Amino acid sequence: MKVLFVCAGGMSSAIVVNALKKEGQKHDLNLEVLAVGTQEFDSEVRNGWDVAMVAPQVKHRFDGFKQSADEVGVPCQVIPPQAYSPLGGPTLLKLVNELLEK
């Protein structure tokens, strides 16, 4: 499963990527997770991703990200702020599963 995460960069992206990968390993899921900046999202979302997630820090640009994702049939949603907590992995994996069910 391939998860694309758009963010403003910095440590927050590393936290999300690591939390999601670790949670996936707990459930024997092979997750590919990539964090990209806002400028790279439009071109990267077209490269065969299953799900796209948006950091709360850039949610003011969500409509544009969603439009690009919709064009290629990739479900897209803003992650909740609690994804950055110690329970971030389960929160993120639950969101990924919900997006895949849509």
PDB file of N, CA and C in Angstrom:
ATOM      1  N   MET A   1       0.850  -1.162   0.000  1.00  0.00           N
ATOM      2  CA  MET A   1       0.000   0.000   0.000  1.00  0.00           C
ATOM      3  C   MET A   1       0.899   1.230   0.000  1.00  0.00           C
ATOM      4  N   LYS A   2       0.552   2.201  -0.814  1.00  0.00           N
ATOM      5  CA  LYS A   2       1.360   3.409  -0.957  1.00  0.00           C
ATOM      6  C   LYS A   2       0.602   4.622  -0.418  1.00  0.00           C
ATOM      7  N   VAL A   3       1.248   5.324   0.533  1.00  0.00           N
ATOM      8  CA  VAL A   3       0.635   6.470   1.188  1.00  0.00           C
ATOM      9  C   VAL A   3       1.488   7.704   0.922  1.00  0.00           C
ATOM     10  N   LEU A   4       0.876   8.728   0.359  1.00  0.00           N
ATOM     11  CA  LEU A   4       1.544   9.997   0.092  1.00  0.00           C
ATOM     12  C   LEU A   4       1.101  11.002   1.147  1.00  0.00           C
ATOM     13  N   PHE A   5       2.059  11.681   1.764  1.00  0.00           N
ATOM     14  CA  PHE A   5       1.777  12.638   2.831  1.00  0.00           C
ATOM     15  C   PHE A   5       2.333  13.990   2.431  1.00  0.00           C
ATOM     16  N   VAL A   6       1.469  14.977   2.306  1.00  0.00           N
ATOM     17  CA  VAL A   6       1.909  16.328   1.968  1.00  0.00           C
ATOM     18  C   VAL A   6       1.976  17.157   3.244  1.00  0.00           C
ATOM     19  N   CYS A   7       3.106  17.847   3.401  1.00  0.00           N
ATOM     20  CA  CYS A   7       3.329  18.575   4.639  1.00  0.00           C
ATOM     21  C   CYS A   7       4.187  19.807   4.370  1.00  0.00           C
ATOM     22  N   ALA A   8       4.417  20.563   5.437  1.00  0.00           N
ATOM     23  CA  ALA A   8       5.244  21.759   5.330  1.00  0.00           C
ATOM     24  C   ALA A   8       6.718  21.435   5.543  1.00  0.00           C
ATOM     25  N   GLY A   9       7.021  20.174   5.810  1.00  0.00           N
ATOM     26  CA  GLY A   9       8.405  19.767   6.023  1.00  0.00           C
ATOM     27  C   GLY A   9       8.769  19.776   7.500  1.00  0.00           C
ATOM     28  N   GLY A  10       9.998  19.472   7.773  1.00  0.00           N
ATOM     29  CA  GLY A  10      10.452  19.473   9.161  1.00  0.00           C
ATOM     30  C   GLY A  10      10.209  18.160   9.864  1.00  0.00           C
ATOM     31  N   MET A  11      10.330  18.201  11.183  1.00  0.00           N
ATOM     32  CA  MET A  11      10.220  16.993  11.992  1.00  0.00           C
ATOM     33  C   MET A  11       8.823  16.382  11.961  1.00  0.00           C
ATOM     34  N   SER A  12       7.812  17.191  11.755  1.00  0.00           N
ATOM     35  CA  SER A  12       6.456  16.639  11.763  1.00  0.00           C
ATOM     36  C   SER A  12       6.284  15.575  10.694  1.00  0.00           C
ATOM     37  N   SER A  13       6.889  15.769   9.544  1.00  0.00           N
ATOM     38  CA  SER A  13       6.755  14.765   8.491  1.00  0.00           C
ATOM     39  C   SER A  13       7.458  13.468   8.887  1.00  0.00           C
ATOM     40  N   ALA A  14       8.605  13.565   9.523  1.00  0.00           N
ATOM     41  CA  ALA A  14       9.316  12.363   9.967  1.00  0.00           C
ATOM     42  C   ALA A  14       8.511  11.609  11.012  1.00  0.00           C
ATOM     43  N   ILE A  15       7.864  12.334  11.912  1.00  0.00           N
ATOM     44  CA  ILE A  15       7.040  11.705  12.949  1.00  0.00           C
ATOM     45  C   ILE A  15       5.911  10.907  12.309  1.00  0.00           C
ATOM     46  N   VAL A  16       5.216  11.504  11.363  1.00  0.00           N
ATOM     47  CA  VAL A  16       4.091  10.843  10.708  1.00  0.00           C
ATOM     48  C   VAL A  16       4.560   9.634   9.898  1.00  0.00           C
ATOM     49  N   VAL A  17       5.595   9.799   9.111  1.00  0.00           N
ATOM     50  CA  VAL A  17       6.095   8.703   8.285  1.00  0.00           C
ATOM     51  C   VAL A  17       6.531   7.531   9.163  1.00  0.00           C
ATOM     52  N   ASN A  18       7.310   7.806  10.190  1.00  0.00           N
ATOM     53  CA  ASN A  18       7.798   6.729  11.074  1.00  0.00           C
ATOM     54  C   ASN A  18       6.660   6.067  11.829  1.00  0.00           C
ATOM     55  N   ALA A  19       5.718   6.851  12.338  1.00  0.00           N
ATOM     56  CA  ALA A  19       4.595   6.281  13.091  1.00  0.00           C
ATOM     57  C   ALA A  19       3.754   5.363  12.205  1.00  0.00           C
ATOM     58  N   LEU A  20       3.503   5.788  10.990  1.00  0.00           N
ATOM     59  CA  LEU A  20       2.682   4.980  10.090  1.00  0.00           C
ATOM     60  C   LEU A  20       3.413   3.702   9.669  1.00  0.00           C
ATOM     61  N   LYS A  21       4.687   3.802   9.380  1.00  0.00           N
ATOM     62  CA  LYS A  21       5.457   2.609   9.000  1.00  0.00           C
ATOM     63  C   LYS A  21       5.508   1.610  10.153  1.00  0.00           C
ATOM     64  N   LYS A  22       5.768   2.087  11.371  1.00  0.00           N
ATOM     65  CA  LYS A  22       5.834   1.185  12.525  1.00  0.00           C
ATOM     66  C   LYS A  22       4.491   0.520  12.783  1.00  0.00           C
ATOM     67  N   GLU A  23       3.415   1.271  12.666  1.00  0.00           N
ATOM     68  CA  GLU A  23       2.084   0.694  12.881  1.00  0.00           C
ATOM     69  C   GLU A  23       1.775  -0.331  11.800  1.00  0.00           C
ATOM     70  N   GLY A  24       2.157  -0.053  10.578  1.00  0.00           N
ATOM     71  CA  GLY A  24       1.963  -1.013   9.494  1.00  0.00           C
ATOM     72  C   GLY A  24       2.702  -2.311   9.750  1.00  0.00           C
ATOM     73  N   GLN A  25       3.919  -2.218  10.272  1.00  0.00           N
ATOM     74  CA  GLN A  25       4.701  -3.421  10.583  1.00  0.00           C
ATOM     75  C   GLN A  25       4.015  -4.259  11.650  1.00  0.00           C
ATOM     76  N   LYS A  26       3.401  -3.610  12.628  1.00  0.00           N
ATOM     77  CA  LYS A  26       2.688  -4.336  13.683  1.00  0.00           C
ATOM     78  C   LYS A  26       1.565  -5.189  13.110  1.00  0.00           C
ATOM     79  N   HIS A  27       1.013  -4.754  11.988  1.00  0.00           N
ATOM     80  CA  HIS A  27      -0.121  -5.444  11.357  1.00  0.00           C
ATOM     81  C   HIS A  27       0.305  -6.194  10.094  1.00  0.00           C
ATOM     82  N   ASP A  28       1.604  -6.401   9.946  1.00  0.00           N
ATOM     83  CA  ASP A  28       2.164  -7.115   8.785  1.00  0.00           C
ATOM     84  C   ASP A  28       1.732  -6.498   7.454  1.00  0.00           C
ATOM     85  N   LEU A  29       1.692  -5.184   7.413  1.00  0.00           N
ATOM     86  CA  LEU A  29       1.355  -4.474   6.179  1.00  0.00           C
ATOM     87  C   LEU A  29       2.625  -3.922   5.553  1.00  0.00           C
ATOM     88  N   ASN A  30       2.716  -4.038   4.266  1.00  0.00           N
ATOM     89  CA  ASN A  30       3.847  -3.472   3.552  1.00  0.00           C
ATOM     90  C   ASN A  30       3.452  -2.070   3.096  1.00  0.00           C
ATOM     91  N   LEU A  31       3.838  -1.069   3.888  1.00  0.00           N
ATOM     92  CA  LEU A  31       3.473   0.309   3.583  1.00  0.00           C
ATOM     93  C   LEU A  31       4.655   1.058   2.989  1.00  0.00           C
ATOM     94  N   GLU A  32       4.413   1.732   1.905  1.00  0.00           N
ATOM     95  CA  GLU A  32       5.378   2.685   1.374  1.00  0.00           C
ATOM     96  C   GLU A  32       4.804   4.059   1.697  1.00  0.00           C
ATOM     97  N   VAL A  33       5.556   4.841   2.449  1.00  0.00           N
ATOM     98  CA  VAL A  33       5.081   6.151   2.876  1.00  0.00           C
ATOM     99  C   VAL A  33       6.087   7.199   2.421  1.00  0.00           C
ATOM    100  N   LEU A  34       5.606   8.213   1.741  1.00  0.00           N
ATOM    101  CA  LEU A  34       6.473   9.280   1.261  1.00  0.00           C
ATOM    102  C   LEU A  34       5.906  10.624   1.682  1.00  0.00           C
ATOM    103  N   ALA A  35       6.754  11.449   2.290  1.00  0.00           N
ATOM    104  CA  ALA A  35       6.369  12.813   2.631  1.00  0.00           C
ATOM    105  C   ALA A  35       6.905  13.740   1.548  1.00  0.00           C
ATOM    106  N   VAL A  36       6.033  14.597   1.040  1.00  0.00           N
ATOM    107  CA  VAL A  36       6.436  15.568   0.027  1.00  0.00           C
ATOM    108  C   VAL A  36       5.996  16.957   0.453  1.00  0.00           C
ATOM    109  N   GLY A  37       6.655  17.947  -0.107  1.00  0.00           N
ATOM    110  CA  GLY A  37       6.270  19.328   0.140  1.00  0.00           C
ATOM    111  C   GLY A  37       5.080  19.720  -0.709  1.00  0.00           C
ATOM    112  N   THR A  38       4.549  20.865  -0.413  1.00  0.00           N
ATOM    113  CA  THR A  38       3.343  21.320  -1.109  1.00  0.00           C
ATOM    114  C   THR A  38       3.573  21.511  -2.609  1.00  0.00           C
ATOM    115  N   GLN A  39       4.782  21.884  -3.000  1.00  0.00           N
ATOM    116  CA  GLN A  39       5.062  22.114  -4.416  1.00  0.00           C
ATOM    117  C   GLN A  39       5.144  20.814  -5.218  1.00  0.00           C
ATOM    118  N   GLU A  40       5.518  19.714  -4.549  1.00  0.00           N
ATOM    119  CA  GLU A  40       5.685  18.442  -5.234  1.00  0.00           C
ATOM    120  C   GLU A  40       4.404  17.625  -5.327  1.00  0.00           C
ATOM    121  N   PHE A  41       3.407  17.967  -4.538  1.00  0.00           N
ATOM    122  CA  PHE A  41       2.222  17.122  -4.428  1.00  0.00           C
ATOM    123  C   PHE A  41       1.527  16.883  -5.767  1.00  0.00           C
ATOM    124  N   ASP A  42       1.264  17.944  -6.517  1.00  0.00           N
ATOM    125  CA  ASP A  42       0.490  17.807  -7.755  1.00  0.00           C
ATOM    126  C   ASP A  42       1.098  16.810  -8.729  1.00  0.00           C
ATOM    127  N   SER A  43       2.404  16.825  -8.873  1.00  0.00           N
ATOM    128  CA  SER A  43       3.027  15.877  -9.797  1.00  0.00           C
ATOM    129  C   SER A  43       3.186  14.500  -9.156  1.00  0.00           C
ATOM    130  N   GLU A  44       3.503  14.440  -7.874  1.00  0.00           N
ATOM    131  CA  GLU A  44       3.749  13.152  -7.220  1.00  0.00           C
ATOM    132  C   GLU A  44       2.477  12.331  -7.059  1.00  0.00           C
ATOM    133  N   VAL A  45       1.329  12.973  -6.821  1.00  0.00           N
ATOM    134  CA  VAL A  45       0.086  12.228  -6.586  1.00  0.00           C
ATOM    135  C   VAL A  45      -0.310  11.406  -7.813  1.00  0.00           C
ATOM    136  N   ARG A  46       0.243  11.725  -8.949  1.00  0.00           N
ATOM    137  CA  ARG A  46      -0.069  11.015 -10.193  1.00  0.00           C
ATOM    138  C   ARG A  46       0.779   9.749 -10.382  1.00  0.00           C
ATOM    139  N   ASN A  47       1.625   9.431  -9.397  1.00  0.00           N
ATOM    140  CA  ASN A  47       2.555   8.315  -9.541  1.00  0.00           C
ATOM    141  C   ASN A  47       2.084   7.030  -8.871  1.00  0.00           C
ATOM    142  N   GLY A  48       0.787   6.778  -8.856  1.00  0.00           N
ATOM    143  CA  GLY A  48       0.276   5.493  -8.409  1.00  0.00           C
ATOM    144  C   GLY A  48       0.113   5.317  -6.911  1.00  0.00           C
ATOM    145  N   TRP A  49      -0.237   6.345  -6.205  1.00  0.00           N
ATOM    146  CA  TRP A  49      -0.456   6.255  -4.755  1.00  0.00           C
ATOM    147  C   TRP A  49      -1.860   5.748  -4.460  1.00  0.00           C
ATOM    148  N   ASP A  50      -1.995   5.027  -3.338  1.00  0.00           N
ATOM    149  CA  ASP A  50      -3.303   4.505  -2.948  1.00  0.00           C
ATOM    150  C   ASP A  50      -4.095   5.526  -2.131  1.00  0.00           C
ATOM    151  N   VAL A  51      -3.382   6.319  -1.329  1.00  0.00           N
ATOM    152  CA  VAL A  51      -4.007   7.261  -0.403  1.00  0.00           C
ATOM    153  C   VAL A  51      -3.122   8.494  -0.306  1.00  0.00           C
ATOM    154  N   ALA A  52      -3.754   9.647  -0.153  1.00  0.00           N
ATOM    155  CA  ALA A  52      -3.009  10.885   0.108  1.00  0.00           C
ATOM    156  C   ALA A  52      -3.516  11.503   1.406  1.00  0.00           C
ATOM    157  N   MET A  53      -2.577  11.942   2.230  1.00  0.00           N
ATOM    158  CA  MET A  53      -2.941  12.573   3.491  1.00  0.00           C
ATOM    159  C   MET A  53      -2.288  13.948   3.554  1.00  0.00           C
ATOM    160  N   VAL A  54      -2.984  14.874   4.190  1.00  0.00           N
ATOM    161  CA  VAL A  54      -2.548  16.263   4.260  1.00  0.00           C
ATOM    162  C   VAL A  54      -2.299  16.628   5.720  1.00  0.00           C
ATOM    163  N   ALA A  55      -1.148  17.247   5.988  1.00  0.00           N
ATOM    164  CA  ALA A  55      -0.816  17.685   7.344  1.00  0.00           C
ATOM    165  C   ALA A  55      -1.730  18.841   7.764  1.00  0.00           C
ATOM    166  N   PRO A  56      -2.059  18.914   9.047  1.00  0.00           N
ATOM    167  CA  PRO A  56      -2.907  20.017   9.519  1.00  0.00           C
ATOM    168  C   PRO A  56      -2.287  21.392   9.237  1.00  0.00           C
ATOM    169  N   GLN A  57      -0.969  21.459   9.188  1.00  0.00           N
ATOM    170  CA  GLN A  57      -0.286  22.738   8.957  1.00  0.00           C
ATOM    171  C   GLN A  57      -0.561  23.309   7.570  1.00  0.00           C
ATOM    172  N   VAL A  58      -0.968  22.473   6.636  1.00  0.00           N
ATOM    173  CA  VAL A  58      -1.238  22.954   5.270  1.00  0.00           C
ATOM    174  C   VAL A  58      -2.691  22.717   4.866  1.00  0.00           C
ATOM    175  N   LYS A  59      -3.576  22.522   5.857  1.00  0.00           N
ATOM    176  CA  LYS A  59      -4.977  22.230   5.525  1.00  0.00           C
ATOM    177  C   LYS A  59      -5.667  23.396   4.823  1.00  0.00           C
ATOM    178  N   HIS A  60      -5.123  24.614   4.966  1.00  0.00           N
ATOM    179  CA  HIS A  60      -5.702  25.757   4.264  1.00  0.00           C
ATOM    180  C   HIS A  60      -5.582  25.598   2.741  1.00  0.00           C
ATOM    181  N   ARG A  61      -4.742  24.664   2.286  1.00  0.00           N
ATOM    182  CA  ARG A  61      -4.591  24.390   0.856  1.00  0.00           C
ATOM    183  C   ARG A  61      -5.234  23.071   0.453  1.00  0.00           C
ATOM    184  N   PHE A  62      -6.042  22.501   1.351  1.00  0.00           N
ATOM    185  CA  PHE A  62      -6.626  21.175   1.129  1.00  0.00           C
ATOM    186  C   PHE A  62      -7.424  21.088  -0.164  1.00  0.00           C
ATOM    187  N   ASP A  63      -8.219  22.092  -0.469  1.00  0.00           N
ATOM    188  CA  ASP A  63      -9.070  22.018  -1.662  1.00  0.00           C
ATOM    189  C   ASP A  63      -8.247  21.767  -2.924  1.00  0.00           C
ATOM    190  N   GLY A  64      -7.112  22.417  -3.037  1.00  0.00           N
ATOM    191  CA  GLY A  64      -6.240  22.208  -4.195  1.00  0.00           C
ATOM    192  C   GLY A  64      -5.649  20.811  -4.225  1.00  0.00           C
ATOM    193  N   PHE A  65      -5.200  20.325  -3.052  1.00  0.00           N
ATOM    194  CA  PHE A  65      -4.663  18.964  -2.972  1.00  0.00           C
ATOM    195  C   PHE A  65      -5.741  17.944  -3.318  1.00  0.00           C
ATOM    196  N   LYS A  66      -6.936  18.153  -2.781  1.00  0.00           N
ATOM    197  CA  LYS A  66      -8.048  17.221  -3.012  1.00  0.00           C
ATOM    198  C   LYS A  66      -8.397  17.185  -4.495  1.00  0.00           C
ATOM    199  N   GLN A  67      -8.423  18.341  -5.131  1.00  0.00           N
ATOM    200  CA  GLN A  67      -8.747  18.391  -6.556  1.00  0.00           C
ATOM    201  C   GLN A  67      -7.729  17.584  -7.373  1.00  0.00           C
ATOM    202  N   SER A  68      -6.448  17.761  -7.077  1.00  0.00           N
ATOM    203  CA  SER A  68      -5.412  17.003  -7.795  1.00  0.00           C
ATOM    204  C   SER A  68      -5.554  15.508  -7.537  1.00  0.00           C
ATOM    205  N   ALA A  69      -5.821  15.138  -6.288  1.00  0.00           N
ATOM    206  CA  ALA A  69      -5.978  13.722  -5.943  1.00  0.00           C
ATOM    207  C   ALA A  69      -7.216  13.135  -6.606  1.00  0.00           C
ATOM    208  N   ASP A  70      -8.312  13.887  -6.609  1.00  0.00           N
ATOM    209  CA  ASP A  70      -9.554  13.410  -7.231  1.00  0.00           C
ATOM    210  C   ASP A  70      -9.371  13.141  -8.723  1.00  0.00           C
ATOM    211  N   GLU A  71      -8.552  13.961  -9.381  1.00  0.00           N
ATOM    212  CA  GLU A  71      -8.324  13.799 -10.817  1.00  0.00           C
ATOM    213  C   GLU A  71      -7.735  12.428 -11.158  1.00  0.00           C
ATOM    214  N   VAL A  72      -6.990  11.863 -10.216  1.00  0.00           N
ATOM    215  CA  VAL A  72      -6.364  10.554 -10.475  1.00  0.00           C
ATOM    216  C   VAL A  72      -6.957   9.451  -9.595  1.00  0.00           C
ATOM    217  N   GLY A  73      -8.070   9.749  -8.913  1.00  0.00           N
ATOM    218  CA  GLY A  73      -8.778   8.743  -8.133  1.00  0.00           C
ATOM    219  C   GLY A  73      -8.091   8.320  -6.846  1.00  0.00           C
ATOM    220  N   VAL A  74      -7.359   9.230  -6.224  1.00  0.00           N
ATOM    221  CA  VAL A  74      -6.681   8.932  -4.962  1.00  0.00           C
ATOM    222  C   VAL A  74      -7.458   9.590  -3.825  1.00  0.00           C
ATOM    223  N   PRO A  75      -7.969   8.800  -2.869  1.00  0.00           N
ATOM    224  CA  PRO A  75      -8.675   9.399  -1.746  1.00  0.00           C
ATOM    225  C   PRO A  75      -7.714  10.264  -0.921  1.00  0.00           C
ATOM    226  N   CYS A  76      -8.206  11.405  -0.452  1.00  0.00           N
ATOM    227  CA  CYS A  76      -7.357  12.393   0.209  1.00  0.00           C
ATOM    228  C   CYS A  76      -8.090  12.992   1.393  1.00  0.00           C
ATOM    229  N   GLN A  77      -7.353  13.188   2.511  1.00  0.00           N
ATOM    230  CA  GLN A  77      -7.967  13.769   3.703  1.00  0.00           C
ATOM    231  C   GLN A  77      -6.886  14.400   4.575  1.00  0.00           C
ATOM    232  N   VAL A  78      -7.275  15.412   5.361  1.00  0.00           N
ATOM    233  CA  VAL A  78      -6.380  16.016   6.345  1.00  0.00           C
ATOM    234  C   VAL A  78      -6.270  15.078   7.537  1.00  0.00           C
ATOM    235  N   ILE A  79      -5.061  14.894   8.050  1.00  0.00           N
ATOM    236  CA  ILE A  79      -4.899  14.044   9.229  1.00  0.00           C
ATOM    237  C   ILE A  79      -5.264  14.848  10.472  1.00  0.00           C
ATOM    238  N   PRO A  80      -5.754  14.184  11.505  1.00  0.00           N
ATOM    239  CA  PRO A  80      -6.099  14.892  12.735  1.00  0.00           C
ATOM    240  C   PRO A  80      -4.840  15.255  13.519  1.00  0.00           C
ATOM    241  N   PRO A  81      -4.883  16.339  14.296  1.00  0.00           N
ATOM    242  CA  PRO A  81      -3.708  16.745  15.082  1.00  0.00           C
ATOM    243  C   PRO A  81      -3.209  15.655  16.034  1.00  0.00           C
ATOM    244  N   GLN A  82      -4.101  14.789  16.526  1.00  0.00           N
ATOM    245  CA  GLN A  82      -3.671  13.741  17.449  1.00  0.00           C
ATOM    246  C   GLN A  82      -2.771  12.708  16.781  1.00  0.00           C
ATOM    247  N   ALA A  83      -2.617  12.776  15.469  1.00  0.00           N
ATOM    248  CA  ALA A  83      -1.706  11.870  14.772  1.00  0.00           C
ATOM    249  C   ALA A  83      -0.260  12.113  15.197  1.00  0.00           C
ATOM    250  N   TYR A  84       0.011  13.272  15.793  1.00  0.00           N
ATOM    251  CA  TYR A  84       1.362  13.595  16.245  1.00  0.00           C
ATOM    252  C   TYR A  84       1.603  13.171  17.687  1.00  0.00           C
ATOM    253  N   SER A  85       0.644  12.509  18.302  1.00  0.00           N
ATOM    254  CA  SER A  85       0.763  12.055  19.693  1.00  0.00           C
ATOM    255  C   SER A  85       1.388  10.663  19.718  1.00  0.00           C
ATOM    256  N   PRO A  86       1.625  10.125  20.928  1.00  0.00           N
ATOM    257  CA  PRO A  86       2.140   8.757  21.006  1.00  0.00           C
ATOM    258  C   PRO A  86       1.216   7.721  20.361  1.00  0.00           C
ATOM    259  N   LEU A  87      -0.060   8.031  20.235  1.00  0.00           N
ATOM    260  CA  LEU A  87      -0.994   7.114  19.579  1.00  0.00           C
ATOM    261  C   LEU A  87      -1.165   7.440  18.097  1.00  0.00           C
ATOM    262  N   GLY A  88      -0.228   8.163  17.559  1.00  0.00           N
ATOM    263  CA  GLY A  88      -0.325   8.588  16.168  1.00  0.00           C
ATOM    264  C   GLY A  88      -0.400   7.453  15.171  1.00  0.00           C
ATOM    265  N   GLY A  89       0.372   6.398  15.394  1.00  0.00           N
ATOM    266  CA  GLY A  89       0.375   5.277  14.449  1.00  0.00           C
ATOM    267  C   GLY A  89      -0.992   4.659  14.258  1.00  0.00           C
ATOM    268  N   PRO A  90      -1.675   4.261  15.346  1.00  0.00           N
ATOM    269  CA  PRO A  90      -3.015   3.696  15.189  1.00  0.00           C
ATOM    270  C   PRO A  90      -3.998   4.685  14.551  1.00  0.00           C
ATOM    271  N   THR A  91      -3.888   5.952  14.918  1.00  0.00           N
ATOM    272  CA  THR A  91      -4.762   6.980  14.342  1.00  0.00           C
ATOM    273  C   THR A  91      -4.549   7.073  12.837  1.00  0.00           C
ATOM    274  N   LEU A  92      -3.292   7.097  12.420  1.00  0.00           N
ATOM    275  CA  LEU A  92      -2.969   7.208  10.998  1.00  0.00           C
ATOM    276  C   LEU A  92      -3.395   5.974  10.216  1.00  0.00           C
ATOM    277  N   LEU A  93      -3.142   4.798  10.767  1.00  0.00           N
ATOM    278  CA  LEU A  93      -3.524   3.575  10.062  1.00  0.00           C
ATOM    279  C   LEU A  93      -5.041   3.469   9.933  1.00  0.00           C
ATOM    280  N   LYS A  94      -5.755   3.886  10.961  1.00  0.00           N
ATOM    281  CA  LYS A  94      -7.222   3.890  10.893  1.00  0.00           C
ATOM    282  C   LYS A  94      -7.688   4.815   9.769  1.00  0.00           C
ATOM    283  N   LEU A  95      -7.075   5.985   9.646  1.00  0.00           N
ATOM    284  CA  LEU A  95      -7.429   6.931   8.590  1.00  0.00           C
ATOM    285  C   LEU A  95      -7.137   6.340   7.212  1.00  0.00           C
ATOM    286  N   VAL A  96      -5.993   5.701   7.067  1.00  0.00           N
ATOM    287  CA  VAL A  96      -5.646   5.065   5.783  1.00  0.00           C
ATOM    288  C   VAL A  96      -6.705   4.041   5.404  1.00  0.00           C
ATOM    289  N   ASN A  97      -7.073   3.197   6.363  1.00  0.00           N
ATOM    290  CA  ASN A  97      -8.098   2.167   6.097  1.00  0.00           C
ATOM    291  C   ASN A  97      -9.431   2.776   5.738  1.00  0.00           C
ATOM    292  N   GLU A  98      -9.826   3.859   6.420  1.00  0.00           N
ATOM    293  CA  GLU A  98     -11.079   4.526   6.106  1.00  0.00           C
ATOM    294  C   GLU A  98     -11.055   5.097   4.695  1.00  0.00           C
ATOM    295  N   LEU A  99      -9.933   5.679   4.310  1.00  0.00           N
ATOM    296  CA  LEU A  99      -9.818   6.245   2.964  1.00  0.00           C
ATOM    297  C   LEU A  99      -9.880   5.152   1.903  1.00  0.00           C
ATOM    298  N   LEU A 100      -9.287   4.028   2.175  1.00  0.00           N
ATOM    299  CA  LEU A 100      -9.313   2.929   1.203  1.00  0.00           C
ATOM    300  C   LEU A 100     -10.701   2.349   1.020  1.00  0.00           C
ATOM    301  N   GLU A 101     -11.545   2.455   2.054  1.00  0.00           N
ATOM    302  CA  GLU A 101     -12.904   1.928   1.969  1.00  0.00           C
ATOM    303  C   GLU A 101     -13.828   2.834   1.173  1.00  0.00           C
ATOM    304  N   LYS A 102     -13.424   4.075   0.946  1.00  0.00           N
ATOM    305  CA  LYS A 102     -14.294   5.027   0.225  1.00  0.00           C
ATOM    306  C   LYS A 102     -14.382   4.682  -1.234  1.00  0.00           C
TER     307      LYS A 102
END
